[in-house]
PDB file of N, CA and C in Angstrom:
ATOM      1  N   VAL A   1     -22.210 -56.549 -12.526  1.00  0.00           N
ATOM      2  CA  VAL A   1     -23.023 -55.358 -12.660  1.00  0.00           C
ATOM      3  C   VAL A   1     -24.244 -55.539 -11.784  1.00  0.00           C
ATOM      4  N   THR A   2     -24.556 -54.518 -10.994  1.00  0.00           N
ATOM      5  CA  THR A   2     -25.711 -54.567 -10.101  1.00  0.00           C
ATOM      6  C   THR A   2     -26.823 -53.745 -10.714  1.00  0.00           C
ATOM      7  N   ALA A   3     -27.991 -54.292 -10.730  1.00  0.00           N
ATOM      8  CA  ALA A   3     -29.140 -53.577 -11.278  1.00  0.00           C
ATOM      9  C   ALA A   3     -29.617 -52.558 -10.269  1.00  0.00           C
ATOM     10  N   CYS A   4     -30.092 -51.405 -10.755  1.00  0.00           N
ATOM     11  CA  CYS A   4     -30.583 -50.339  -9.890  1.00  0.00           C
ATOM     12  C   CYS A   4     -32.095 -50.409  -9.831  1.00  0.00           C
ATOM     13  N   ASN A   5     -32.629 -50.180  -8.669  1.00  0.00           N
ATOM     14  CA  ASN A   5     -34.072 -50.072  -8.500  1.00  0.00           C
ATOM     15  C   ASN A   5     -34.458 -48.645  -8.843  1.00  0.00           C
ATOM     16  N   THR A   6     -35.494 -48.442  -9.590  1.00  0.00           N
ATOM     17  CA  THR A   6     -35.896 -47.092  -9.999  1.00  0.00           C
ATOM     18  C   THR A   6     -36.847 -46.457  -9.011  1.00  0.00           C
ATOM     19  N   GLY A   7     -37.058 -47.060  -7.843  1.00  0.00           N
ATOM     20  CA  GLY A   7     -37.952 -46.496  -6.842  1.00  0.00           C
ATOM     21  C   GLY A   7     -37.330 -45.286  -6.154  1.00  0.00           C
ATOM     22  N   ALA A   8     -38.109 -44.603  -5.333  1.00  0.00           N
ATOM     23  CA  ALA A   8     -37.660 -43.417  -4.607  1.00  0.00           C
ATOM     24  C   ALA A   8     -36.621 -43.798  -3.560  1.00  0.00           C
ATOM     25  N   VAL A   9     -35.682 -42.928  -3.347  1.00  0.00           N
ATOM     26  CA  VAL A   9     -34.627 -43.138  -2.359  1.00  0.00           C
ATOM     27  C   VAL A   9     -34.752 -42.067  -1.292  1.00  0.00           C
ATOM     28  N   THR A  10     -34.725 -42.472  -0.048  1.00  0.00           N
ATOM     29  CA  THR A  10     -34.777 -41.521   1.054  1.00  0.00           C
ATOM     30  C   THR A  10     -33.434 -41.535   1.759  1.00  0.00           C
ATOM     31  N   LEU A  11     -32.813 -40.371   1.868  1.00  0.00           N
ATOM     32  CA  LEU A  11     -31.526 -40.259   2.551  1.00  0.00           C
ATOM     33  C   LEU A  11     -31.755 -39.851   3.996  1.00  0.00           C
ATOM     34  N   ALA A  12     -30.910 -40.345   4.867  1.00  0.00           N
ATOM     35  CA  ALA A  12     -30.993 -39.972   6.278  1.00  0.00           C
ATOM     36  C   ALA A  12     -30.690 -38.485   6.414  1.00  0.00           C
ATOM     37  N   SER A  13     -31.374 -37.828   7.290  1.00  0.00           N
ATOM     38  CA  SER A  13     -31.181 -36.407   7.534  1.00  0.00           C
ATOM     39  C   SER A  13     -29.830 -36.181   8.218  1.00  0.00           C
ATOM     40  N   GLN A  14     -29.090 -35.190   7.743  1.00  0.00           N
ATOM     41  CA  GLN A  14     -27.806 -34.853   8.344  1.00  0.00           C
ATOM     42  C   GLN A  14     -27.814 -33.388   8.741  1.00  0.00           C
ATOM     43  N   THR A  15     -27.139 -33.094   9.824  1.00  0.00           N
ATOM     44  CA  THR A  15     -27.022 -31.720  10.286  1.00  0.00           C
ATOM     45  C   THR A  15     -25.667 -31.185   9.849  1.00  0.00           C
ATOM     46  N   ASN A  16     -25.675 -30.041   9.215  1.00  0.00           N
ATOM     47  CA  ASN A  16     -24.434 -29.400   8.793  1.00  0.00           C
ATOM     48  C   ASN A  16     -23.850 -28.653   9.995  1.00  0.00           C
ATOM     49  N   PRO A  17     -22.682 -29.051  10.488  1.00  0.00           N
ATOM     50  CA  PRO A  17     -22.116 -28.390  11.676  1.00  0.00           C
ATOM     51  C   PRO A  17     -21.748 -26.930  11.432  1.00  0.00           C
ATOM     52  N   PHE A  18     -21.626 -26.528  10.178  1.00  0.00           N
ATOM     53  CA  PHE A  18     -21.239 -25.153   9.880  1.00  0.00           C
ATOM     54  C   PHE A  18     -22.428 -24.207   9.834  1.00  0.00           C
ATOM     55  N   THR A  19     -23.636 -24.744   9.869  1.00  0.00           N
ATOM     56  CA  THR A  19     -24.813 -23.878   9.849  1.00  0.00           C
ATOM     57  C   THR A  19     -25.373 -23.649  11.238  1.00  0.00           C
ATOM     58  N   SER A  20     -24.866 -24.344  12.229  1.00  0.00           N
ATOM     59  CA  SER A  20     -25.323 -24.181  13.601  1.00  0.00           C
ATOM     60  C   SER A  20     -24.455 -23.121  14.263  1.00  0.00           C
ATOM     61  N   ALA A  21     -24.845 -21.872  14.120  1.00  0.00           N
ATOM     62  CA  ALA A  21     -24.044 -20.763  14.639  1.00  0.00           C
ATOM     63  C   ALA A  21     -24.114 -20.688  16.150  1.00  0.00           C
ATOM     64  N   ILE A  22     -22.964 -20.493  16.746  1.00  0.00           N
ATOM     65  CA  ILE A  22     -22.874 -20.257  18.180  1.00  0.00           C
ATOM     66  C   ILE A  22     -22.602 -18.773  18.349  1.00  0.00           C
ATOM     67  N   PRO A  23     -23.497 -18.082  19.036  1.00  0.00           N
ATOM     68  CA  PRO A  23     -23.283 -16.637  19.177  1.00  0.00           C
ATOM     69  C   PRO A  23     -22.005 -16.342  19.960  1.00  0.00           C
ATOM     70  N   VAL A  24     -21.220 -15.419  19.453  1.00  0.00           N
ATOM     71  CA  VAL A  24     -19.979 -15.010  20.107  1.00  0.00           C
ATOM     72  C   VAL A  24     -20.062 -13.519  20.370  1.00  0.00           C
ATOM     73  N   GLU A  25     -19.930 -13.169  21.629  1.00  0.00           N
ATOM     74  CA  GLU A  25     -19.954 -11.758  22.005  1.00  0.00           C
ATOM     75  C   GLU A  25     -18.591 -11.148  21.732  1.00  0.00           C
ATOM     76  N   PRO A  26     -18.528  -9.980  21.098  1.00  0.00           N
ATOM     77  CA  PRO A  26     -17.221  -9.349  20.879  1.00  0.00           C
ATOM     78  C   PRO A  26     -16.597  -8.938  22.214  1.00  0.00           C
ATOM     79  N   GLU A  27     -15.288  -9.092  22.282  1.00  0.00           N
ATOM     80  CA  GLU A  27     -14.587  -8.698  23.495  1.00  0.00           C
ATOM     81  C   GLU A  27     -14.552  -7.182  23.575  1.00  0.00           C
ATOM     82  N   THR A  28     -14.754  -6.673  24.756  1.00  0.00           N
ATOM     83  CA  THR A  28     -14.711  -5.232  24.947  1.00  0.00           C
ATOM     84  C   THR A  28     -13.532  -4.874  25.835  1.00  0.00           C
ATOM     85  N   VAL A  29     -13.103  -3.636  25.725  1.00  0.00           N
ATOM     86  CA  VAL A  29     -12.030  -3.117  26.571  1.00  0.00           C
ATOM     87  C   VAL A  29     -12.538  -1.874  27.259  1.00  0.00           C
ATOM     88  N   SER A  30     -11.971  -1.598  28.421  1.00  0.00           N
ATOM     89  CA  SER A  30     -12.449  -0.451  29.183  1.00  0.00           C
ATOM     90  C   SER A  30     -11.397   0.621  29.405  1.00  0.00           C
ATOM     91  N   THR A  31     -10.145   0.317  29.060  1.00  0.00           N
ATOM     92  CA  THR A  31      -9.080   1.275  29.337  1.00  0.00           C
ATOM     93  C   THR A  31      -8.190   1.459  28.121  1.00  0.00           C
ATOM     94  N   SER A  32      -7.888   2.709  27.826  1.00  0.00           N
ATOM     95  CA  SER A  32      -6.958   3.061  26.759  1.00  0.00           C
ATOM     96  C   SER A  32      -5.857   3.917  27.363  1.00  0.00           C
ATOM     97  N   SER A  33      -4.629   3.529  27.106  1.00  0.00           N
ATOM     98  CA  SER A  33      -3.491   4.289  27.604  1.00  0.00           C
ATOM     99  C   SER A  33      -2.633   4.706  26.414  1.00  0.00           C
ATOM    100  N   VAL A  34      -2.376   5.999  26.285  1.00  0.00           N
ATOM    101  CA  VAL A  34      -1.579   6.517  25.181  1.00  0.00           C
ATOM    102  C   VAL A  34      -0.288   7.100  25.747  1.00  0.00           C
ATOM    103  N   THR A  35       0.839   6.614  25.207  1.00  0.00           N
ATOM    104  CA  THR A  35       2.141   7.089  25.662  1.00  0.00           C
ATOM    105  C   THR A  35       2.989   7.493  24.462  1.00  0.00           C
ATOM    106  N   SER A  36       4.051   8.206  24.753  1.00  0.00           N
ATOM    107  CA  SER A  36       4.968   8.658  23.715  1.00  0.00           C
ATOM    108  C   SER A  36       6.393   8.479  24.221  1.00  0.00           C
ATOM    109  N   THR A  37       7.232   7.843  23.393  1.00  0.00           N
ATOM    110  CA  THR A  37       8.637   7.636  23.739  1.00  0.00           C
ATOM    111  C   THR A  37       9.492   8.318  22.680  1.00  0.00           C
ATOM    112  N   THR A  38      10.396   9.176  23.101  1.00  0.00           N
ATOM    113  CA  THR A  38      11.273   9.889  22.181  1.00  0.00           C
ATOM    114  C   THR A  38      12.130   8.916  21.385  1.00  0.00           C
ATOM    115  N   ALA A  39      12.193   9.127  20.070  1.00  0.00           N
ATOM    116  CA  ALA A  39      13.018   8.293  19.188  1.00  0.00           C
ATOM    117  C   ALA A  39      14.476   8.368  19.630  1.00  0.00           C
ATOM    118  N   SER A  40      15.164   7.222  19.542  1.00  0.00           N
ATOM    119  CA  SER A  40      16.539   7.151  20.014  1.00  0.00           C
ATOM    120  C   SER A  40      17.341   6.173  19.165  1.00  0.00           C
ATOM    121  N   ALA A  41      18.610   6.470  18.986  1.00  0.00           N
ATOM    122  CA  ALA A  41      19.514   5.557  18.281  1.00  0.00           C
ATOM    123  C   ALA A  41      20.030   4.467  19.217  1.00  0.00           C
ATOM    124  N   SER A  42      19.542   4.461  20.467  1.00  0.00           N
ATOM    125  CA  SER A  42      19.819   3.396  21.437  1.00  0.00           C
ATOM    126  C   SER A  42      18.498   2.705  21.749  1.00  0.00           C
ATOM    127  N   SER A  43      18.542   1.422  22.079  1.00  0.00           N
ATOM    128  CA  SER A  43      17.322   0.674  22.376  1.00  0.00           C
ATOM    129  C   SER A  43      16.592   1.267  23.582  1.00  0.00           C
ATOM    130  N   VAL A  44      15.287   1.482  23.423  1.00  0.00           N
ATOM    131  CA  VAL A  44      14.450   2.002  24.501  1.00  0.00           C
ATOM    132  C   VAL A  44      13.173   1.170  24.584  1.00  0.00           C
ATOM    133  N   THR A  45      12.605   1.107  25.779  1.00  0.00           N
ATOM    134  CA  THR A  45      11.327   0.423  25.950  1.00  0.00           C
ATOM    135  C   THR A  45      10.207   1.363  25.543  1.00  0.00           C
ATOM    136  N   VAL A  46       9.375   0.914  24.599  1.00  0.00           N
ATOM    137  CA  VAL A  46       8.239   1.731  24.154  1.00  0.00           C
ATOM    138  C   VAL A  46       6.926   1.239  24.754  1.00  0.00           C
ATOM    139  N   LEU A  47       6.944   0.004  25.293  1.00  0.00           N
ATOM    140  CA  LEU A  47       5.750  -0.524  25.954  1.00  0.00           C
ATOM    141  C   LEU A  47       6.179  -1.581  26.971  1.00  0.00           C
ATOM    142  N   ALA A  48       5.800  -1.353  28.225  1.00  0.00           N
ATOM    143  CA  ALA A  48       6.132  -2.302  29.294  1.00  0.00           C
ATOM    144  C   ALA A  48       5.279  -3.555  29.185  1.00  0.00           C
ATOM    145  N   SER A  49       5.741  -4.633  29.787  1.00  0.00           N
ATOM    146  CA  SER A  49       4.995  -5.880  29.840  1.00  0.00           C
ATOM    147  C   SER A  49       3.671  -5.654  30.562  1.00  0.00           C
ATOM    148  N   ASN A  50       2.580  -6.270  30.044  1.00  0.00           N
ATOM    149  CA  ASN A  50       1.268  -6.106  30.662  1.00  0.00           C
ATOM    150  C   ASN A  50       0.401  -7.314  30.315  1.00  0.00           C
ATOM    151  N   ALA A  51       0.164  -8.182  31.294  1.00  0.00           N
ATOM    152  CA  ALA A  51      -0.622  -9.398  31.071  1.00  0.00           C
ATOM    153  C   ALA A  51      -2.074  -9.096  30.726  1.00  0.00           C
ATOM    154  N   SER A  52      -2.553  -7.886  30.997  1.00  0.00           N
ATOM    155  CA  SER A  52      -3.941  -7.516  30.708  1.00  0.00           C
ATOM    156  C   SER A  52      -4.120  -6.914  29.317  1.00  0.00           C
ATOM    157  N   ARG A  53      -3.047  -6.791  28.547  1.00  0.00           N
ATOM    158  CA  ARG A  53      -3.115  -6.162  27.221  1.00  0.00           C
ATOM    159  C   ARG A  53      -4.048  -6.932  26.283  1.00  0.00           C
ATOM    160  N   LYS A  54      -4.933  -6.186  25.607  1.00  0.00           N
ATOM    161  CA  LYS A  54      -5.829  -6.758  24.600  1.00  0.00           C
ATOM    162  C   LYS A  54      -5.420  -6.339  23.187  1.00  0.00           C
ATOM    163  N   LEU A  55      -4.802  -5.165  23.075  1.00  0.00           N
ATOM    164  CA  LEU A  55      -4.398  -4.629  21.776  1.00  0.00           C
ATOM    165  C   LEU A  55      -3.340  -3.565  21.998  1.00  0.00           C
ATOM    166  N   ALA A  56      -2.435  -3.438  21.043  1.00  0.00           N
ATOM    167  CA  ALA A  56      -1.446  -2.360  21.084  1.00  0.00           C
ATOM    168  C   ALA A  56      -1.234  -1.851  19.666  1.00  0.00           C
ATOM    169  N   VAL A  57      -1.187  -0.522  19.542  1.00  0.00           N
ATOM    170  CA  VAL A  57      -0.984   0.141  18.255  1.00  0.00           C
ATOM    171  C   VAL A  57       0.220   1.071  18.399  1.00  0.00           C
ATOM    172  N   PHE A  58       1.151   0.975  17.441  1.00  0.00           N
ATOM    173  CA  PHE A  58       2.372   1.778  17.458  1.00  0.00           C
ATOM    174  C   PHE A  58       2.385   2.668  16.228  1.00  0.00           C
ATOM    175  N   VAL A  59       2.693   3.950  16.416  1.00  0.00           N
ATOM    176  CA  VAL A  59       2.843   4.883  15.298  1.00  0.00           C
ATOM    177  C   VAL A  59       4.260   5.440  15.362  1.00  0.00           C
ATOM    178  N   ASN A  60       5.028   5.186  14.299  1.00  0.00           N
ATOM    179  CA  ASN A  60       6.382   5.727  14.224  1.00  0.00           C
ATOM    180  C   ASN A  60       6.282   7.166  13.721  1.00  0.00           C
ATOM    181  N   ASP A  61       6.119   8.074  14.665  1.00  0.00           N
ATOM    182  CA  ASP A  61       5.960   9.493  14.361  1.00  0.00           C
ATOM    183  C   ASP A  61       7.349  10.146  14.356  1.00  0.00           C
ATOM    184  N   SER A  62       8.224   9.620  13.488  1.00  0.00           N
ATOM    185  CA  SER A  62       9.586  10.144  13.404  1.00  0.00           C
ATOM    186  C   SER A  62      10.028  10.207  11.951  1.00  0.00           C
ATOM    187  N   ASP A  63      11.240  10.708  11.759  1.00  0.00           N
ATOM    188  CA  ASP A  63      11.780  10.855  10.399  1.00  0.00           C
ATOM    189  C   ASP A  63      12.684   9.695   9.997  1.00  0.00           C
ATOM    190  N   LYS A  64      12.819   8.663  10.863  1.00  0.00           N
ATOM    191  CA  LYS A  64      13.712   7.531  10.590  1.00  0.00           C
ATOM    192  C   LYS A  64      12.966   6.209  10.782  1.00  0.00           C
ATOM    193  N   ILE A  65      13.508   5.153  10.202  1.00  0.00           N
ATOM    194  CA  ILE A  65      12.961   3.813  10.389  1.00  0.00           C
ATOM    195  C   ILE A  65      13.138   3.394  11.844  1.00  0.00           C
ATOM    196  N   ALA A  66      12.075   2.799  12.418  1.00  0.00           N
ATOM    197  CA  ALA A  66      12.135   2.247  13.771  1.00  0.00           C
ATOM    198  C   ALA A  66      12.154   0.725  13.669  1.00  0.00           C
ATOM    199  N   TYR A  67      13.048   0.108  14.412  1.00  0.00           N
ATOM    200  CA  TYR A  67      13.135  -1.344  14.484  1.00  0.00           C
ATOM    201  C   TYR A  67      12.481  -1.743  15.806  1.00  0.00           C
ATOM    202  N   VAL A  68      11.305  -2.356  15.723  1.00  0.00           N
ATOM    203  CA  VAL A  68      10.501  -2.686  16.893  1.00  0.00           C
ATOM    204  C   VAL A  68      10.695  -4.164  17.216  1.00  0.00           C
ATOM    205  N   LYS A  69      11.003  -4.454  18.476  1.00  0.00           N
ATOM    206  CA  LYS A  69      11.240  -5.834  18.894  1.00  0.00           C
ATOM    207  C   LYS A  69      10.239  -6.263  19.955  1.00  0.00           C
ATOM    208  N   LEU A  70       9.603  -7.402  19.711  1.00  0.00           N
ATOM    209  CA  LEU A  70       8.762  -8.018  20.738  1.00  0.00           C
ATOM    210  C   LEU A  70       9.716  -8.732  21.680  1.00  0.00           C
ATOM    211  N   GLY A  71      10.149  -7.998  22.688  1.00  0.00           N
ATOM    212  CA  GLY A  71      11.165  -8.477  23.625  1.00  0.00           C
ATOM    213  C   GLY A  71      12.107  -7.337  23.963  1.00  0.00           C
ATOM    214  N   GLY A  72      13.101  -7.644  24.740  1.00  0.00           N
ATOM    215  CA  GLY A  72      14.028  -6.608  25.195  1.00  0.00           C
ATOM    216  C   GLY A  72      15.214  -6.410  24.276  1.00  0.00           C
ATOM    217  N   THR A  73      15.751  -5.210  24.310  1.00  0.00           N
ATOM    218  CA  THR A  73      16.962  -4.788  23.615  1.00  0.00           C
ATOM    219  C   THR A  73      16.887  -4.968  22.099  1.00  0.00           C
ATOM    220  N   ALA A  74      16.216  -4.038  21.466  1.00  0.00           N
ATOM    221  CA  ALA A  74      16.120  -4.027  20.005  1.00  0.00           C
ATOM    222  C   ALA A  74      17.430  -3.535  19.397  1.00  0.00           C
ATOM    223  N   SER A  75      17.706  -4.003  18.192  1.00  0.00           N
ATOM    224  CA  SER A  75      18.844  -3.489  17.419  1.00  0.00           C
ATOM    225  C   SER A  75      18.454  -3.542  15.948  1.00  0.00           C
ATOM    226  N   ILE A  76      19.292  -2.974  15.092  1.00  0.00           N
ATOM    227  CA  ILE A  76      18.968  -2.995  13.665  1.00  0.00           C
ATOM    228  C   ILE A  76      19.187  -4.372  13.053  1.00  0.00           C
ATOM    229  N   THR A  77      19.685  -5.314  13.840  1.00  0.00           N
ATOM    230  CA  THR A  77      19.813  -6.702  13.376  1.00  0.00           C
ATOM    231  C   THR A  77      18.985  -7.667  14.219  1.00  0.00           C
ATOM    232  N   SER A  78      18.373  -7.208  15.303  1.00  0.00           N
ATOM    233  CA  SER A  78      17.529  -8.044  16.160  1.00  0.00           C
ATOM    234  C   SER A  78      16.227  -7.300  16.428  1.00  0.00           C
ATOM    235  N   TYR A  79      15.237  -7.564  15.590  1.00  0.00           N
ATOM    236  CA  TYR A  79      13.953  -6.863  15.690  1.00  0.00           C
ATOM    237  C   TYR A  79      12.846  -7.741  15.129  1.00  0.00           C
ATOM    238  N   SER A  80      11.606  -7.368  15.429  1.00  0.00           N
ATOM    239  CA  SER A  80      10.434  -8.102  14.938  1.00  0.00           C
ATOM    240  C   SER A  80       9.768  -7.393  13.771  1.00  0.00           C
ATOM    241  N   TYR A  81       9.764  -6.063  13.803  1.00  0.00           N
ATOM    242  CA  TYR A  81       9.118  -5.256  12.757  1.00  0.00           C
ATOM    243  C   TYR A  81      10.013  -4.091  12.374  1.00  0.00           C
ATOM    244  N   LYS A  82      10.061  -3.787  11.094  1.00  0.00           N
ATOM    245  CA  LYS A  82      10.781  -2.624  10.579  1.00  0.00           C
ATOM    246  C   LYS A  82       9.700  -1.623  10.196  1.00  0.00           C
ATOM    247  N   LEU A  83       9.567  -0.572  11.005  1.00  0.00           N
ATOM    248  CA  LEU A  83       8.472   0.383  10.872  1.00  0.00           C
ATOM    249  C   LEU A  83       8.961   1.665  10.211  1.00  0.00           C
ATOM    250  N   GLN A  84       8.473   1.905   9.012  1.00  0.00           N
ATOM    251  CA  GLN A  84       8.861   3.095   8.252  1.00  0.00           C
ATOM    252  C   GLN A  84       8.382   4.374   8.956  1.00  0.00           C
ATOM    253  N   PRO A  85       9.011   5.527   8.672  1.00  0.00           N
ATOM    254  CA  PRO A  85       8.550   6.786   9.254  1.00  0.00           C
ATOM    255  C   PRO A  85       7.073   7.022   8.940  1.00  0.00           C
ATOM    256  N   ASN A  86       6.353   7.551   9.911  1.00  0.00           N
ATOM    257  CA  ASN A  86       4.933   7.895   9.777  1.00  0.00           C
ATOM    258  C   ASN A  86       4.057   6.707   9.409  1.00  0.00           C
ATOM    259  N   SER A  87       4.428   5.508   9.874  1.00  0.00           N
ATOM    260  CA  SER A  87       3.602   4.335   9.625  1.00  0.00           C
ATOM    261  C   SER A  87       3.115   3.736  10.946  1.00  0.00           C
ATOM    262  N   THR A  88       2.117   2.838  10.826  1.00  0.00           N
ATOM    263  CA  THR A  88       1.440   2.280  11.989  1.00  0.00           C
ATOM    264  C   THR A  88       1.565   0.764  12.022  1.00  0.00           C
ATOM    265  N   LEU A  89       1.681   0.231  13.222  1.00  0.00           N
ATOM    266  CA  LEU A  89       1.733  -1.208  13.456  1.00  0.00           C
ATOM    267  C   LEU A  89       0.702  -1.553  14.519  1.00  0.00           C
ATOM    268  N   GLU A  90      -0.147  -2.535  14.237  1.00  0.00           N
ATOM    269  CA  GLU A  90      -1.084  -3.064  15.225  1.00  0.00           C
ATOM    270  C   GLU A  90      -0.659  -4.499  15.511  1.00  0.00           C
ATOM    271  N   LEU A  91      -0.451  -4.824  16.779  1.00  0.00           N
ATOM    272  CA  LEU A  91      -0.024  -6.180  17.127  1.00  0.00           C
ATOM    273  C   LEU A  91      -1.074  -7.195  16.706  1.00  0.00           C
ATOM    274  N   ALA A  92      -0.600  -8.312  16.166  1.00  0.00           N
ATOM    275  CA  ALA A  92      -1.484  -9.386  15.707  1.00  0.00           C
ATOM    276  C   ALA A  92      -2.114 -10.116  16.893  1.00  0.00           C
ATOM    277  N   GLN A  93      -3.220 -10.801  16.615  1.00  0.00           N
ATOM    278  CA  GLN A  93      -3.888 -11.625  17.624  1.00  0.00           C
ATOM    279  C   GLN A  93      -3.383 -13.056  17.514  1.00  0.00           C
ATOM    280  N   PRO A  94      -3.154 -13.791  18.568  1.00  0.00           N
ATOM    281  CA  PRO A  94      -3.310 -13.322  19.942  1.00  0.00           C
ATOM    282  C   PRO A  94      -2.225 -12.306  20.273  1.00  0.00           C
ATOM    283  N   VAL A  95      -2.601 -11.297  21.012  1.00  0.00           N
ATOM    284  CA  VAL A  95      -1.700 -10.174  21.260  1.00  0.00           C
ATOM    285  C   VAL A  95      -0.554 -10.575  22.196  1.00  0.00           C
ATOM    286  N   TYR A  96       0.628 -10.097  21.836  1.00  0.00           N
ATOM    287  CA  TYR A  96       1.833 -10.285  22.652  1.00  0.00           C
ATOM    288  C   TYR A  96       1.720  -9.371  23.871  1.00  0.00           C
ATOM    289  N   THR A  97       1.988  -9.906  25.079  1.00  0.00           N
ATOM    290  CA  THR A  97       1.824  -9.119  26.305  1.00  0.00           C
ATOM    291  C   THR A  97       3.148  -8.768  26.992  1.00  0.00           C
ATOM    292  N   GLY A  98       4.272  -9.136  26.387  1.00  0.00           N
ATOM    293  CA  GLY A  98       5.576  -8.842  26.985  1.00  0.00           C
ATOM    294  C   GLY A  98       6.060  -7.438  26.662  1.00  0.00           C
ATOM    295  N   VAL A  99       7.291  -7.156  27.054  1.00  0.00           N
ATOM    296  CA  VAL A  99       7.912  -5.854  26.815  1.00  0.00           C
ATOM    297  C   VAL A  99       8.166  -5.664  25.315  1.00  0.00           C
ATOM    298  N   VAL A 100       8.057  -4.414  24.861  1.00  0.00           N
ATOM    299  CA  VAL A 100       8.347  -4.066  23.466  1.00  0.00           C
ATOM    300  C   VAL A 100       9.388  -2.956  23.474  1.00  0.00           C
ATOM    301  N   ASP A 101      10.514  -3.204  22.793  1.00  0.00           N
ATOM    302  CA  ASP A 101      11.586  -2.214  22.678  1.00  0.00           C
ATOM    303  C   ASP A 101      11.701  -1.742  21.232  1.00  0.00           C
ATOM    304  N   ALA A 102      12.344  -0.613  21.050  1.00  0.00           N
ATOM    305  CA  ALA A 102      12.568  -0.082  19.702  1.00  0.00           C
ATOM    306  C   ALA A 102      13.888   0.668  19.652  1.00  0.00           C
ATOM    307  N   ILE A 103      14.416   0.760  18.446  1.00  0.00           N
ATOM    308  CA  ILE A 103      15.611   1.549  18.173  1.00  0.00           C
ATOM    309  C   ILE A 103      15.425   2.163  16.786  1.00  0.00           C
ATOM    310  N   TRP A 104      15.939   3.362  16.598  1.00  0.00           N
ATOM    311  CA  TRP A 104      15.810   4.052  15.321  1.00  0.00           C
ATOM    312  C   TRP A 104      17.169   4.170  14.656  1.00  0.00           C
ATOM    313  N   GLU A 105      17.140   4.477  13.377  1.00  0.00           N
ATOM    314  CA  GLU A 105      18.386   4.752  12.660  1.00  0.00           C
ATOM    315  C   GLU A 105      19.029   5.998  13.254  1.00  0.00           C
ATOM    316  N   THR A 106      20.257   6.259  12.900  1.00  0.00           N
ATOM    317  CA  THR A 106      21.058   7.347  13.453  1.00  0.00           C
ATOM    318  C   THR A 106      20.360   8.707  13.390  1.00  0.00           C
ATOM    319  N   SER A 107      20.457   9.447  14.478  1.00  0.00           N
ATOM    320  CA  SER A 107      19.953  10.821  14.624  1.00  0.00           C
ATOM    321  C   SER A 107      18.468  10.981  14.287  1.00  0.00           C
ATOM    322  N   PRO A 108      17.595  10.219  14.949  1.00  0.00           N
ATOM    323  CA  PRO A 108      16.171  10.357  14.672  1.00  0.00           C
ATOM    324  C   PRO A 108      15.567  11.586  15.337  1.00  0.00           C
ATOM    325  N   THR A 109      14.511  12.097  14.743  1.00  0.00           N
ATOM    326  CA  THR A 109      13.720  13.178  15.320  1.00  0.00           C
ATOM    327  C   THR A 109      12.280  12.700  15.362  1.00  0.00           C
ATOM    328  N   GLY A 110      11.657  12.783  16.525  1.00  0.00           N
ATOM    329  CA  GLY A 110      10.263  12.365  16.648  1.00  0.00           C
ATOM    330  C   GLY A 110      10.080  11.418  17.809  1.00  0.00           C
ATOM    331  N   ALA A 111       9.043  10.567  17.696  1.00  0.00           N
ATOM    332  CA  ALA A 111       8.694   9.687  18.810  1.00  0.00           C
ATOM    333  C   ALA A 111       7.907   8.479  18.320  1.00  0.00           C
ATOM    334  N   MET A 112       7.774   7.511  19.206  1.00  0.00           N
ATOM    335  CA  MET A 112       6.881   6.378  18.992  1.00  0.00           C
ATOM    336  C   MET A 112       5.634   6.659  19.826  1.00  0.00           C
ATOM    337  N   ARG A 113       4.487   6.730  19.179  1.00  0.00           N
ATOM    338  CA  ARG A 113       3.211   6.938  19.859  1.00  0.00           C
ATOM    339  C   ARG A 113       2.566   5.560  20.018  1.00  0.00           C
ATOM    340  N   VAL A 114       2.236   5.200  21.251  1.00  0.00           N
ATOM    341  CA  VAL A 114       1.685   3.864  21.526  1.00  0.00           C
ATOM    342  C   VAL A 114       0.343   3.984  22.229  1.00  0.00           C
ATOM    343  N   THR A 115      -0.636   3.252  21.708  1.00  0.00           N
ATOM    344  CA  THR A 115      -1.925   3.128  22.361  1.00  0.00           C
ATOM    345  C   THR A 115      -2.086   1.676  22.787  1.00  0.00           C
ATOM    346  N   GLU A 116      -2.331   1.472  24.083  1.00  0.00           N
ATOM    347  CA  GLU A 116      -2.522   0.126  24.621  1.00  0.00           C
ATOM    348  C   GLU A 116      -3.928   0.030  25.178  1.00  0.00           C
ATOM    349  N   LEU A 117      -4.645  -1.020  24.786  1.00  0.00           N
ATOM    350  CA  LEU A 117      -5.989  -1.261  25.301  1.00  0.00           C
ATOM    351  C   LEU A 117      -5.957  -2.441  26.264  1.00  0.00           C
ATOM    352  N   THR A 118      -6.603  -2.246  27.420  1.00  0.00           N
ATOM    353  CA  THR A 118      -6.667  -3.320  28.423  1.00  0.00           C
ATOM    354  C   THR A 118      -8.097  -3.538  28.864  1.00  0.00           C
TER     355      THR A 118
END
């Protein structure tokens, strides 16, 4: 057993790395491009590849489910997102910059509305 001294104790000063904020400027975009692709029961490209893409938003403005694929040739068994009618998808960060294809269930009416920010 070690006896404790009852005198004052001084601890070395420590810097908390989480309190030293580094200012981060929000990224800005200067261009918005809005396109519309008619819904189809065959795979169609709804957004071309673009290395400058910062954000992409998809609105399934149709009466059928859209199967959206990050990549080429979407199908109802090969897709990345299943987008219900009248619903919206915003690509996650870091944003995918390749081609995006989509296919809808049989006999769709409507379109895919896409907004791309660069």
